[in-house]
Each structure stands twice: as C-alpha cells, then as structure tokens.
Amino acid sequence: MIDWLRSLSTTQFVLLLIGVFLVLAIGSALLTWVLVRRGLHTPWAIRRMNRLTLWVVDLIKRPITVAVLDEVSEVLRSGHYTKNISDALIENHDDLVALVAEKVRQDPASRVVGHLPGYDAVVHQVSETTLRVLIEMLGDPRMDELISDLIRNNLEQIKQAVREHERDGGVPPPEPGPNASPMSGKPRSATGPV
C-alpha cells in the first residue's frame, strides 16, 4: 500500500486526497441525515467533518466563482449578439407585427385615435418601419460594439461585487429602491414594469 502511494505523482496524490475528502463529506452528510431522521444526535466526528466540509466550500467558492466569471466573460466577448437578435426578429417578424398591433389596440391612450379611418394601416406601417429600422441598427457594427461593451461592463461589475462581498465578510449589498418608470411616471413594481 505504501509503495503504491509513493508511486503517485504530486498531482495524483492531491487528486486522491480530494477524492477521499469528497467521499468522507458525502458519507458524513448521509450519515447525519440518517441519524437525525431516526431522532439520534449526530456524533462528534461527523459534526466535525460537516463543519470542515462547510469551511472548505466557503474557502473555495469565491475563487471558483471569479474564475468561472472570467471564463464566461472571455466567451461572451467573442459573440455577435446583435446578429442573433436581428435573426430572431426576422424569424418572428409576422408575430411581432401582430403583437404590436394588439398592444396598441389595448393601450388606453389610443382609444380615441383607434376609431379613425386607416388606423390599422398606420399601426401596421409604423410596426413594419420600426422593425426594419431596428433590424438595420442591429446589423450595424457600432451596435455590436455597444452590446459587447454593455456585457463586458456588467461582467466587470458582477466580478467586482463578488470580490467586495468576499472582502466585506459576506455582507449582502443593499436592496435597490424602486425607481420610476420613464413612461408612466409611476414606480416600478418589484416583479417588473407596471
């Protein structure tokens, strides 16, 4: 047995230790569950193993989160999201025109205007024009750059928040207050726009 351990490289030995630790952690969690389910107290050694497992998880979860965010940001920087959005708009063109017409008809501000002759033709033409301009804008390289900058800045903000959360000892950031909707002047609800 000792000869077998001596034949392992450093990497293999570390991986073996990690594997043994994972097996012990899972075993102690299952044993705790069984004992508590039967109404017995958890033995001291199992409680100690559970605490050690939680400590190890707390120790490695932030660095792993930051490393995953770094990888995700590298992948997201290489994407062309405006082309994907443009393709989706083209694919769903007829449904979007119908949706816009339906929502404009349901809008309380357009009740009086909705009775004018040619109203449906105007709504249809405005919807077509808006979609065409939006698709052309999404095909522009400047829009692709704007979206890439937006994604990069958001990822940097998330990574910074994770690092600050680690330095602050796990204190969660304050909840943002309700902001007013620019369209209605009413505060937005917690689940979305009013």
N, C-alpha and C. Protein backbone atom coordinates (compact mmCIF):
# COMPACT_ATOMS: atom_id res chain seq x y z
N MET A 1 0.83 -1.20 0.00
CA MET A 1 0.00 0.00 0.00
C MET A 1 0.87 1.25 0.00
N ILE A 2 1.92 1.28 0.83
CA ILE A 2 2.79 2.44 0.90
C ILE A 2 3.56 2.60 -0.39
N ASP A 3 3.99 1.49 -1.02
CA ASP A 3 4.68 1.58 -2.30
C ASP A 3 3.77 2.18 -3.37
N TRP A 4 2.48 1.82 -3.31
CA TRP A 4 1.53 2.37 -4.28
C TRP A 4 1.40 3.89 -4.09
N LEU A 5 1.35 4.36 -2.84
CA LEU A 5 1.26 5.80 -2.58
C LEU A 5 2.53 6.51 -3.03
N ARG A 6 3.67 5.89 -2.82
CA ARG A 6 4.94 6.52 -3.23
C ARG A 6 5.07 6.61 -4.75
N SER A 7 4.39 5.73 -5.46
CA SER A 7 4.48 5.76 -6.92
C SER A 7 3.61 6.85 -7.55
N LEU A 8 2.74 7.46 -6.75
CA LEU A 8 1.86 8.51 -7.27
C LEU A 8 2.62 9.83 -7.44
N SER A 9 2.27 10.56 -8.49
CA SER A 9 2.85 11.90 -8.65
C SER A 9 2.15 12.85 -7.68
N THR A 10 2.66 14.05 -7.57
CA THR A 10 2.06 15.03 -6.66
C THR A 10 0.62 15.32 -7.05
N THR A 11 0.39 15.50 -8.34
CA THR A 11 -0.96 15.79 -8.81
C THR A 11 -1.90 14.63 -8.51
N GLN A 12 -1.46 13.41 -8.74
CA GLN A 12 -2.29 12.25 -8.46
C GLN A 12 -2.58 12.13 -6.96
N PHE A 13 -1.58 12.45 -6.14
CA PHE A 13 -1.77 12.37 -4.69
C PHE A 13 -2.79 13.42 -4.22
N VAL A 14 -2.69 14.64 -4.76
CA VAL A 14 -3.64 15.70 -4.38
C VAL A 14 -5.05 15.30 -4.83
N LEU A 15 -5.18 14.78 -6.04
CA LEU A 15 -6.49 14.35 -6.52
C LEU A 15 -7.05 13.22 -5.67
N LEU A 16 -6.17 12.31 -5.23
CA LEU A 16 -6.60 11.24 -4.35
C LEU A 16 -7.12 11.80 -3.03
N LEU A 17 -6.39 12.76 -2.45
CA LEU A 17 -6.84 13.39 -1.20
C LEU A 17 -8.18 14.08 -1.38
N ILE A 18 -8.34 14.78 -2.50
CA ILE A 18 -9.62 15.46 -2.76
C ILE A 18 -10.74 14.44 -2.90
N GLY A 19 -10.47 13.34 -3.60
CA GLY A 19 -11.48 12.29 -3.75
C GLY A 19 -11.87 11.68 -2.42
N VAL A 20 -10.87 11.39 -1.58
CA VAL A 20 -11.15 10.82 -0.25
C VAL A 20 -11.96 11.82 0.58
N PHE A 21 -11.61 13.09 0.51
CA PHE A 21 -12.34 14.12 1.24
C PHE A 21 -13.79 14.18 0.76
N LEU A 22 -14.02 14.14 -0.55
CA LEU A 22 -15.38 14.19 -1.08
C LEU A 22 -16.19 12.97 -0.63
N VAL A 23 -15.58 11.80 -0.66
CA VAL A 23 -16.29 10.59 -0.21
C VAL A 23 -16.64 10.71 1.27
N LEU A 24 -15.70 11.18 2.09
CA LEU A 24 -15.98 11.36 3.52
C LEU A 24 -17.05 12.42 3.75
N ALA A 25 -17.02 13.51 2.99
CA ALA A 25 -18.01 14.57 3.15
C ALA A 25 -19.40 14.06 2.79
N ILE A 26 -19.52 13.35 1.68
CA ILE A 26 -20.82 12.81 1.28
C ILE A 26 -21.29 11.75 2.27
N GLY A 27 -20.37 10.91 2.70
CA GLY A 27 -20.72 9.89 3.70
C GLY A 27 -21.19 10.51 5.00
N SER A 28 -20.51 11.55 5.47
CA SER A 28 -20.92 12.18 6.73
C SER A 28 -22.26 12.89 6.58
N ALA A 29 -22.51 13.47 5.42
CA ALA A 29 -23.80 14.12 5.19
C ALA A 29 -24.92 13.09 5.20
N LEU A 30 -24.70 11.97 4.54
CA LEU A 30 -25.72 10.91 4.53
C LEU A 30 -25.93 10.31 5.92
N LEU A 31 -24.84 10.07 6.64
CA LEU A 31 -24.96 9.52 7.99
C LEU A 31 -25.68 10.50 8.92
N THR A 32 -25.39 11.79 8.78
CA THR A 32 -26.09 12.80 9.58
C THR A 32 -27.58 12.76 9.27
N TRP A 33 -27.92 12.69 7.99
CA TRP A 33 -29.33 12.65 7.60
C TRP A 33 -30.04 11.44 8.21
N VAL A 34 -29.38 10.27 8.14
CA VAL A 34 -29.98 9.05 8.68
C VAL A 34 -30.15 9.16 10.19
N LEU A 35 -29.13 9.63 10.88
CA LEU A 35 -29.21 9.72 12.35
C LEU A 35 -30.25 10.73 12.80
N VAL A 36 -30.30 11.89 12.14
CA VAL A 36 -31.28 12.91 12.52
C VAL A 36 -32.69 12.41 12.21
N ARG A 37 -32.83 11.70 11.10
CA ARG A 37 -34.14 11.15 10.72
C ARG A 37 -34.64 10.15 11.77
N ARG A 38 -33.74 9.43 12.37
CA ARG A 38 -34.10 8.45 13.40
C ARG A 38 -34.21 9.09 14.79
N GLY A 39 -33.95 10.38 14.87
CA GLY A 39 -34.09 11.08 16.14
C GLY A 39 -32.86 11.01 17.03
N LEU A 40 -31.73 10.59 16.47
CA LEU A 40 -30.50 10.50 17.24
C LEU A 40 -29.64 11.73 17.01
N HIS A 41 -28.74 11.98 17.91
CA HIS A 41 -27.81 13.09 17.75
C HIS A 41 -26.67 12.67 16.84
N THR A 42 -26.14 13.65 16.16
CA THR A 42 -25.01 13.40 15.27
C THR A 42 -23.75 13.24 16.11
N PRO A 43 -22.95 12.20 15.86
CA PRO A 43 -21.70 12.03 16.62
C PRO A 43 -20.74 13.20 16.39
N TRP A 44 -19.85 13.38 17.36
CA TRP A 44 -18.91 14.50 17.32
C TRP A 44 -18.05 14.47 16.05
N ALA A 45 -17.56 13.31 15.67
CA ALA A 45 -16.69 13.21 14.50
C ALA A 45 -17.43 13.61 13.22
N ILE A 46 -18.68 13.23 13.12
CA ILE A 46 -19.47 13.58 11.94
C ILE A 46 -19.75 15.08 11.92
N ARG A 47 -20.08 15.67 13.09
CA ARG A 47 -20.29 17.13 13.16
C ARG A 47 -19.03 17.86 12.75
N ARG A 48 -17.89 17.36 13.20
CA ARG A 48 -16.61 17.98 12.86
C ARG A 48 -16.36 17.88 11.35
N MET A 49 -16.65 16.74 10.75
CA MET A 49 -16.47 16.56 9.31
C MET A 49 -17.40 17.49 8.53
N ASN A 50 -18.65 17.65 9.00
CA ASN A 50 -19.59 18.56 8.34
C ASN A 50 -19.10 20.00 8.41
N ARG A 51 -18.57 20.41 9.57
CA ARG A 51 -18.03 21.76 9.70
C ARG A 51 -16.83 21.97 8.79
N LEU A 52 -15.97 20.96 8.72
CA LEU A 52 -14.80 21.04 7.84
C LEU A 52 -15.23 21.16 6.38
N THR A 53 -16.26 20.40 6.01
CA THR A 53 -16.77 20.47 4.63
C THR A 53 -17.28 21.88 4.33
N LEU A 54 -18.07 22.45 5.23
CA LEU A 54 -18.58 23.81 5.03
C LEU A 54 -17.44 24.82 4.94
N TRP A 55 -16.43 24.64 5.78
CA TRP A 55 -15.29 25.56 5.75
C TRP A 55 -14.57 25.49 4.40
N VAL A 56 -14.36 24.28 3.90
CA VAL A 56 -13.68 24.11 2.61
C VAL A 56 -14.52 24.71 1.48
N VAL A 57 -15.81 24.48 1.51
CA VAL A 57 -16.69 25.05 0.48
C VAL A 57 -16.63 26.57 0.53
N ASP A 58 -16.72 27.16 1.73
CA ASP A 58 -16.62 28.62 1.86
C ASP A 58 -15.27 29.14 1.40
N LEU A 59 -14.23 28.35 1.61
CA LEU A 59 -12.89 28.77 1.23
C LEU A 59 -12.72 28.82 -0.29
N ILE A 60 -13.30 27.88 -1.00
CA ILE A 60 -13.03 27.80 -2.45
C ILE A 60 -14.14 28.36 -3.33
N LYS A 61 -15.31 28.69 -2.79
CA LYS A 61 -16.40 29.08 -3.68
C LYS A 61 -16.18 30.44 -4.34
N ARG A 62 -15.61 31.41 -3.66
CA ARG A 62 -15.38 32.73 -4.27
C ARG A 62 -14.33 32.66 -5.39
N PRO A 63 -13.17 32.05 -5.15
CA PRO A 63 -12.20 31.97 -6.25
C PRO A 63 -12.75 31.21 -7.46
N ILE A 64 -13.52 30.16 -7.20
CA ILE A 64 -14.10 29.43 -8.32
C ILE A 64 -15.12 30.30 -9.05
N THR A 65 -15.92 31.06 -8.32
CA THR A 65 -16.91 31.96 -8.94
C THR A 65 -16.22 32.99 -9.81
N VAL A 66 -15.16 33.60 -9.30
CA VAL A 66 -14.43 34.60 -10.08
C VAL A 66 -13.79 33.96 -11.31
N ALA A 67 -13.23 32.77 -11.16
CA ALA A 67 -12.61 32.09 -12.31
C ALA A 67 -13.65 31.75 -13.37
N VAL A 68 -14.83 31.29 -12.94
CA VAL A 68 -15.89 30.98 -13.90
C VAL A 68 -16.36 32.26 -14.59
N LEU A 69 -16.51 33.35 -13.84
CA LEU A 69 -16.91 34.62 -14.45
C LEU A 69 -15.87 35.10 -15.47
N ASP A 70 -14.59 34.91 -15.16
CA ASP A 70 -13.54 35.27 -16.13
C ASP A 70 -13.69 34.48 -17.42
N GLU A 71 -13.93 33.18 -17.29
CA GLU A 71 -14.10 32.34 -18.48
C GLU A 71 -15.35 32.74 -19.26
N VAL A 72 -16.44 32.99 -18.54
CA VAL A 72 -17.69 33.39 -19.20
C VAL A 72 -17.51 34.71 -19.92
N SER A 73 -16.80 35.66 -19.30
CA SER A 73 -16.60 36.95 -19.95
C SER A 73 -15.77 36.82 -21.21
N GLU A 74 -14.78 35.92 -21.20
CA GLU A 74 -13.99 35.69 -22.42
C GLU A 74 -14.86 35.12 -23.54
N VAL A 75 -15.74 34.21 -23.21
CA VAL A 75 -16.63 33.62 -24.21
C VAL A 75 -17.62 34.67 -24.71
N LEU A 76 -18.19 35.46 -23.79
CA LEU A 76 -19.18 36.46 -24.19
C LEU A 76 -18.58 37.57 -25.04
N ARG A 77 -17.32 37.88 -24.84
CA ARG A 77 -16.68 38.92 -25.64
C ARG A 77 -16.55 38.54 -27.11
N SER A 78 -16.53 37.25 -27.39
CA SER A 78 -16.33 36.81 -28.76
C SER A 78 -17.64 36.66 -29.53
N GLY A 79 -18.79 36.85 -28.87
CA GLY A 79 -20.08 36.63 -29.53
C GLY A 79 -20.55 37.83 -30.34
N HIS A 80 -21.46 37.57 -31.26
CA HIS A 80 -22.11 38.62 -32.05
C HIS A 80 -23.60 38.54 -31.75
N TYR A 81 -23.98 39.17 -30.65
CA TYR A 81 -25.33 39.03 -30.13
C TYR A 81 -26.34 39.83 -30.93
N THR A 82 -25.93 40.96 -31.51
CA THR A 82 -26.88 41.76 -32.27
C THR A 82 -27.33 41.00 -33.52
N LYS A 83 -26.46 40.22 -34.11
CA LYS A 83 -26.85 39.41 -35.27
C LYS A 83 -27.86 38.36 -34.84
N ASN A 84 -27.67 37.76 -33.68
CA ASN A 84 -28.62 36.77 -33.18
C ASN A 84 -29.99 37.40 -32.92
N ILE A 85 -29.99 38.59 -32.33
CA ILE A 85 -31.25 39.29 -32.07
C ILE A 85 -31.91 39.65 -33.39
N SER A 86 -31.13 40.15 -34.34
CA SER A 86 -31.66 40.51 -35.65
C SER A 86 -32.27 39.29 -36.34
N ASP A 87 -31.58 38.17 -36.30
CA ASP A 87 -32.10 36.94 -36.91
C ASP A 87 -33.42 36.52 -36.25
N ALA A 88 -33.49 36.65 -34.93
CA ALA A 88 -34.72 36.28 -34.23
C ALA A 88 -35.87 37.22 -34.61
N LEU A 89 -35.57 38.52 -34.77
CA LEU A 89 -36.61 39.47 -35.18
C LEU A 89 -37.12 39.15 -36.58
N ILE A 90 -36.20 38.81 -37.48
CA ILE A 90 -36.60 38.46 -38.85
C ILE A 90 -37.45 37.19 -38.84
N GLU A 91 -37.02 36.21 -38.05
CA GLU A 91 -37.74 34.94 -37.99
C GLU A 91 -39.15 35.10 -37.45
N ASN A 92 -39.32 36.00 -36.49
CA ASN A 92 -40.63 36.19 -35.83
C ASN A 92 -41.31 37.48 -36.28
N HIS A 93 -41.00 37.95 -37.46
CA HIS A 93 -41.48 39.24 -37.95
C HIS A 93 -43.01 39.36 -37.89
N ASP A 94 -43.72 38.40 -38.47
CA ASP A 94 -45.18 38.48 -38.53
C ASP A 94 -45.80 38.46 -37.14
N ASP A 95 -45.27 37.63 -36.26
CA ASP A 95 -45.79 37.57 -34.89
C ASP A 95 -45.56 38.89 -34.16
N LEU A 96 -44.42 39.52 -34.39
CA LEU A 96 -44.12 40.79 -33.72
C LEU A 96 -45.03 41.90 -34.21
N VAL A 97 -45.30 41.95 -35.52
CA VAL A 97 -46.21 42.96 -36.06
C VAL A 97 -47.60 42.77 -35.46
N ALA A 98 -48.07 41.53 -35.38
CA ALA A 98 -49.38 41.26 -34.78
C ALA A 98 -49.40 41.61 -33.30
N LEU A 99 -48.31 41.34 -32.60
CA LEU A 99 -48.22 41.67 -31.18
C LEU A 99 -48.27 43.17 -30.96
N VAL A 100 -47.53 43.92 -31.77
CA VAL A 100 -47.54 45.38 -31.63
C VAL A 100 -48.93 45.92 -31.90
N ALA A 101 -49.59 45.45 -32.95
CA ALA A 101 -50.94 45.91 -33.27
C ALA A 101 -51.90 45.61 -32.12
N GLU A 102 -51.79 44.43 -31.55
CA GLU A 102 -52.65 44.04 -30.43
C GLU A 102 -52.42 44.94 -29.22
N LYS A 103 -51.16 45.19 -28.89
CA LYS A 103 -50.85 46.02 -27.71
C LYS A 103 -51.25 47.47 -27.93
N VAL A 104 -51.11 47.97 -29.16
CA VAL A 104 -51.52 49.36 -29.42
C VAL A 104 -53.03 49.47 -29.31
N ARG A 105 -53.77 48.47 -29.80
CA ARG A 105 -55.23 48.48 -29.67
C ARG A 105 -55.66 48.45 -28.21
N GLN A 106 -54.92 47.74 -27.37
CA GLN A 106 -55.26 47.62 -25.95
C GLN A 106 -54.81 48.81 -25.13
N ASP A 107 -53.97 49.67 -25.69
CA ASP A 107 -53.44 50.81 -24.95
C ASP A 107 -54.56 51.82 -24.68
N PRO A 108 -54.74 52.20 -23.41
CA PRO A 108 -55.83 53.13 -23.08
C PRO A 108 -55.63 54.52 -23.70
N ALA A 109 -54.43 54.89 -24.01
CA ALA A 109 -54.18 56.22 -24.57
C ALA A 109 -54.59 56.30 -26.05
N SER A 110 -54.79 55.16 -26.71
CA SER A 110 -55.12 55.18 -28.14
C SER A 110 -56.59 54.88 -28.42
N ARG A 111 -57.46 54.97 -27.43
CA ARG A 111 -58.88 54.67 -27.63
C ARG A 111 -59.53 55.61 -28.65
N VAL A 112 -59.29 56.90 -28.50
CA VAL A 112 -59.91 57.87 -29.40
C VAL A 112 -59.32 57.77 -30.80
N VAL A 113 -58.01 57.65 -30.88
CA VAL A 113 -57.33 57.57 -32.17
C VAL A 113 -57.67 56.26 -32.87
N GLY A 114 -57.98 55.24 -32.12
CA GLY A 114 -58.27 53.93 -32.69
C GLY A 114 -59.51 53.89 -33.55
N HIS A 115 -60.38 54.88 -33.45
CA HIS A 115 -61.61 54.91 -34.25
C HIS A 115 -61.45 55.66 -35.56
N LEU A 116 -60.30 56.25 -35.80
CA LEU A 116 -60.07 56.99 -37.05
C LEU A 116 -59.93 56.01 -38.22
N PRO A 117 -60.37 56.45 -39.42
CA PRO A 117 -60.21 55.57 -40.59
C PRO A 117 -58.73 55.39 -40.91
N GLY A 118 -58.33 54.21 -41.28
CA GLY A 118 -56.95 53.90 -41.64
C GLY A 118 -56.04 53.66 -40.44
N TYR A 119 -56.64 53.56 -39.27
CA TYR A 119 -55.84 53.38 -38.05
C TYR A 119 -55.02 52.09 -38.11
N ASP A 120 -55.63 50.99 -38.53
CA ASP A 120 -54.91 49.71 -38.61
C ASP A 120 -53.77 49.77 -39.61
N ALA A 121 -53.97 50.47 -40.73
CA ALA A 121 -52.91 50.59 -41.74
C ALA A 121 -51.74 51.39 -41.18
N VAL A 122 -52.04 52.44 -40.44
CA VAL A 122 -50.97 53.26 -39.84
C VAL A 122 -50.18 52.44 -38.82
N VAL A 123 -50.89 51.71 -37.96
CA VAL A 123 -50.23 50.88 -36.94
C VAL A 123 -49.36 49.83 -37.63
N HIS A 124 -49.89 49.20 -38.68
CA HIS A 124 -49.12 48.19 -39.40
C HIS A 124 -47.87 48.79 -40.03
N GLN A 125 -48.02 49.97 -40.68
CA GLN A 125 -46.87 50.60 -41.34
C GLN A 125 -45.82 51.05 -40.32
N VAL A 126 -46.26 51.59 -39.20
CA VAL A 126 -45.31 52.02 -38.16
C VAL A 126 -44.59 50.80 -37.58
N SER A 127 -45.31 49.70 -37.38
CA SER A 127 -44.68 48.48 -36.86
C SER A 127 -43.64 47.96 -37.84
N GLU A 128 -44.00 47.92 -39.13
CA GLU A 128 -43.06 47.45 -40.16
C GLU A 128 -41.82 48.33 -40.21
N THR A 129 -42.03 49.64 -40.18
CA THR A 129 -40.90 50.57 -40.25
C THR A 129 -40.00 50.43 -39.03
N THR A 130 -40.62 50.32 -37.86
CA THR A 130 -39.83 50.19 -36.62
C THR A 130 -39.00 48.91 -36.65
N LEU A 131 -39.59 47.80 -37.04
CA LEU A 131 -38.85 46.54 -37.11
C LEU A 131 -37.72 46.62 -38.14
N ARG A 132 -38.00 47.22 -39.29
CA ARG A 132 -36.98 47.32 -40.33
C ARG A 132 -35.79 48.16 -39.84
N VAL A 133 -36.09 49.30 -39.19
CA VAL A 133 -35.01 50.16 -38.68
C VAL A 133 -34.26 49.44 -37.57
N LEU A 134 -34.97 48.74 -36.71
CA LEU A 134 -34.32 48.01 -35.61
C LEU A 134 -33.41 46.92 -36.15
N ILE A 135 -33.86 46.19 -37.16
CA ILE A 135 -33.04 45.13 -37.76
C ILE A 135 -31.80 45.73 -38.42
N GLU A 136 -31.96 46.88 -39.10
CA GLU A 136 -30.80 47.54 -39.71
C GLU A 136 -29.83 48.04 -38.65
N MET A 137 -30.36 48.58 -37.55
CA MET A 137 -29.49 49.03 -36.46
C MET A 137 -28.71 47.88 -35.86
N LEU A 138 -29.38 46.73 -35.68
CA LEU A 138 -28.71 45.58 -35.10
C LEU A 138 -27.64 45.01 -36.03
N GLY A 139 -27.77 45.26 -37.32
CA GLY A 139 -26.75 44.82 -38.27
C GLY A 139 -25.54 45.73 -38.33
N ASP A 140 -25.64 46.90 -37.73
CA ASP A 140 -24.54 47.86 -37.74
C ASP A 140 -23.46 47.43 -36.74
N PRO A 141 -22.17 47.49 -37.15
CA PRO A 141 -21.09 47.09 -36.22
C PRO A 141 -21.02 47.95 -34.96
N ARG A 142 -21.48 49.18 -35.03
CA ARG A 142 -21.46 50.03 -33.83
C ARG A 142 -22.40 49.50 -32.76
N MET A 143 -23.52 48.93 -33.18
CA MET A 143 -24.46 48.35 -32.22
C MET A 143 -23.85 47.10 -31.59
N ASP A 144 -23.15 46.32 -32.41
CA ASP A 144 -22.47 45.13 -31.88
C ASP A 144 -21.43 45.53 -30.84
N GLU A 145 -20.72 46.60 -31.10
CA GLU A 145 -19.72 47.10 -30.14
C GLU A 145 -20.40 47.59 -28.87
N LEU A 146 -21.55 48.27 -29.02
CA LEU A 146 -22.29 48.75 -27.86
C LEU A 146 -22.72 47.59 -26.97
N ILE A 147 -23.26 46.54 -27.56
CA ILE A 147 -23.72 45.38 -26.79
C ILE A 147 -22.53 44.68 -26.13
N SER A 148 -21.42 44.56 -26.84
CA SER A 148 -20.22 43.95 -26.26
C SER A 148 -19.72 44.75 -25.06
N ASP A 149 -19.72 46.08 -25.19
CA ASP A 149 -19.32 46.94 -24.07
C ASP A 149 -20.27 46.77 -22.89
N LEU A 150 -21.56 46.69 -23.18
CA LEU A 150 -22.56 46.54 -22.13
C LEU A 150 -22.34 45.23 -21.38
N ILE A 151 -22.12 44.14 -22.11
CA ILE A 151 -21.89 42.84 -21.47
C ILE A 151 -20.60 42.86 -20.67
N ARG A 152 -19.53 43.43 -21.26
CA ARG A 152 -18.25 43.48 -20.56
C ARG A 152 -18.36 44.29 -19.27
N ASN A 153 -19.02 45.45 -19.33
CA ASN A 153 -19.15 46.30 -18.15
C ASN A 153 -19.99 45.61 -17.07
N ASN A 154 -21.05 44.91 -17.47
CA ASN A 154 -21.86 44.20 -16.48
C ASN A 154 -21.08 43.07 -15.83
N LEU A 155 -20.31 42.34 -16.63
CA LEU A 155 -19.50 41.25 -16.06
C LEU A 155 -18.44 41.80 -15.10
N GLU A 156 -17.82 42.91 -15.46
CA GLU A 156 -16.84 43.52 -14.56
C GLU A 156 -17.50 43.95 -13.26
N GLN A 157 -18.72 44.51 -13.36
CA GLN A 157 -19.44 44.91 -12.17
C GLN A 157 -19.78 43.71 -11.29
N ILE A 158 -20.18 42.61 -11.91
CA ILE A 158 -20.50 41.39 -11.15
C ILE A 158 -19.25 40.85 -10.47
N LYS A 159 -18.13 40.80 -11.20
CA LYS A 159 -16.89 40.30 -10.60
C LYS A 159 -16.46 41.20 -9.44
N GLN A 160 -16.58 42.51 -9.62
CA GLN A 160 -16.22 43.44 -8.54
C GLN A 160 -17.12 43.22 -7.33
N ALA A 161 -18.41 43.01 -7.56
CA ALA A 161 -19.33 42.77 -6.45
C ALA A 161 -18.98 41.48 -5.72
N VAL A 162 -18.58 40.44 -6.44
CA VAL A 162 -18.18 39.19 -5.81
C VAL A 162 -16.94 39.40 -4.96
N ARG A 163 -15.97 40.14 -5.50
CA ARG A 163 -14.74 40.40 -4.74
C ARG A 163 -15.02 41.25 -3.50
N GLU A 164 -15.87 42.28 -3.62
CA GLU A 164 -16.21 43.13 -2.47
C GLU A 164 -16.99 42.34 -1.44
N HIS A 165 -17.87 41.46 -1.90
CA HIS A 165 -18.64 40.63 -0.98
C HIS A 165 -17.71 39.74 -0.16
N GLU A 166 -16.65 39.27 -0.80
CA GLU A 166 -15.66 38.43 -0.12
C GLU A 166 -14.90 39.25 0.92
N ARG A 167 -14.51 40.48 0.54
CA ARG A 167 -13.74 41.33 1.48
C ARG A 167 -14.60 41.81 2.64
N ASP A 168 -15.92 42.03 2.39
CA ASP A 168 -16.80 42.54 3.44
C ASP A 168 -17.28 41.45 4.39
N GLY A 169 -16.83 40.24 4.19
CA GLY A 169 -17.21 39.16 5.08
C GLY A 169 -18.59 38.60 4.79
N GLY A 170 -19.05 38.72 3.55
CA GLY A 170 -20.32 38.12 3.18
C GLY A 170 -21.53 38.98 3.46
N VAL A 171 -21.35 40.28 3.68
CA VAL A 171 -22.50 41.16 3.90
C VAL A 171 -23.15 41.41 2.55
N PRO A 172 -24.47 41.11 2.42
CA PRO A 172 -25.11 41.31 1.12
C PRO A 172 -25.26 42.79 0.80
N PRO A 173 -25.26 43.14 -0.49
CA PRO A 173 -25.42 44.54 -0.87
C PRO A 173 -26.83 45.01 -0.54
N PRO A 174 -27.02 46.32 -0.35
CA PRO A 174 -28.35 46.83 -0.03
C PRO A 174 -29.29 46.67 -1.22
N GLU A 175 -30.57 46.50 -0.92
CA GLU A 175 -31.56 46.36 -1.97
C GLU A 175 -31.77 47.72 -2.64
N PRO A 176 -31.85 47.73 -3.97
CA PRO A 176 -32.10 49.00 -4.64
C PRO A 176 -33.54 49.45 -4.40
N GLY A 177 -33.73 50.74 -4.29
CA GLY A 177 -35.05 51.29 -4.09
C GLY A 177 -35.85 51.28 -5.38
N PRO A 178 -37.17 51.43 -5.30
CA PRO A 178 -37.98 51.45 -6.53
C PRO A 178 -37.68 52.72 -7.31
N ASN A 179 -37.51 52.56 -8.61
CA ASN A 179 -37.29 53.73 -9.45
C ASN A 179 -38.52 53.95 -10.31
N ALA A 180 -38.70 55.16 -10.74
CA ALA A 180 -39.89 55.49 -11.51
C ALA A 180 -39.73 55.02 -12.94
N SER A 181 -40.83 54.56 -13.51
CA SER A 181 -40.84 54.18 -14.92
C SER A 181 -40.82 55.45 -15.75
N PRO A 182 -39.95 55.55 -16.74
CA PRO A 182 -39.88 56.77 -17.53
C PRO A 182 -41.13 56.99 -18.38
N MET A 183 -41.91 55.95 -18.61
CA MET A 183 -43.08 56.09 -19.48
C MET A 183 -44.32 56.55 -18.72
N SER A 184 -44.53 56.07 -17.52
CA SER A 184 -45.78 56.36 -16.83
C SER A 184 -45.61 57.29 -15.65
N GLY A 185 -44.37 57.47 -15.18
CA GLY A 185 -44.16 58.30 -14.01
C GLY A 185 -44.52 57.58 -12.73
N LYS A 186 -44.90 56.30 -12.83
CA LYS A 186 -45.25 55.52 -11.67
C LYS A 186 -44.08 54.66 -11.24
N PRO A 187 -43.94 54.36 -9.94
CA PRO A 187 -42.85 53.47 -9.52
C PRO A 187 -43.05 52.08 -10.10
N ARG A 188 -41.95 51.44 -10.45
CA ARG A 188 -42.00 50.07 -10.95
C ARG A 188 -42.25 49.12 -9.79
N SER A 189 -42.96 48.04 -10.08
CA SER A 189 -43.20 47.04 -9.05
C SER A 189 -41.94 46.19 -8.92
N ALA A 190 -41.89 45.38 -7.85
CA ALA A 190 -40.71 44.53 -7.61
C ALA A 190 -40.59 43.43 -8.66
N THR A 191 -41.71 43.07 -9.30
CA THR A 191 -41.66 41.99 -10.28
C THR A 191 -41.44 42.49 -11.69
N GLY A 192 -41.48 43.76 -11.92
CA GLY A 192 -41.26 44.28 -13.26
C GLY A 192 -42.00 45.57 -13.49
N PRO A 193 -42.07 46.04 -14.73
CA PRO A 193 -42.73 47.30 -15.00
C PRO A 193 -44.22 47.21 -14.76
N VAL A 194 -44.81 48.35 -14.44
CA VAL A 194 -46.24 48.42 -14.15
C VAL A 194 -47.02 48.33 -15.44
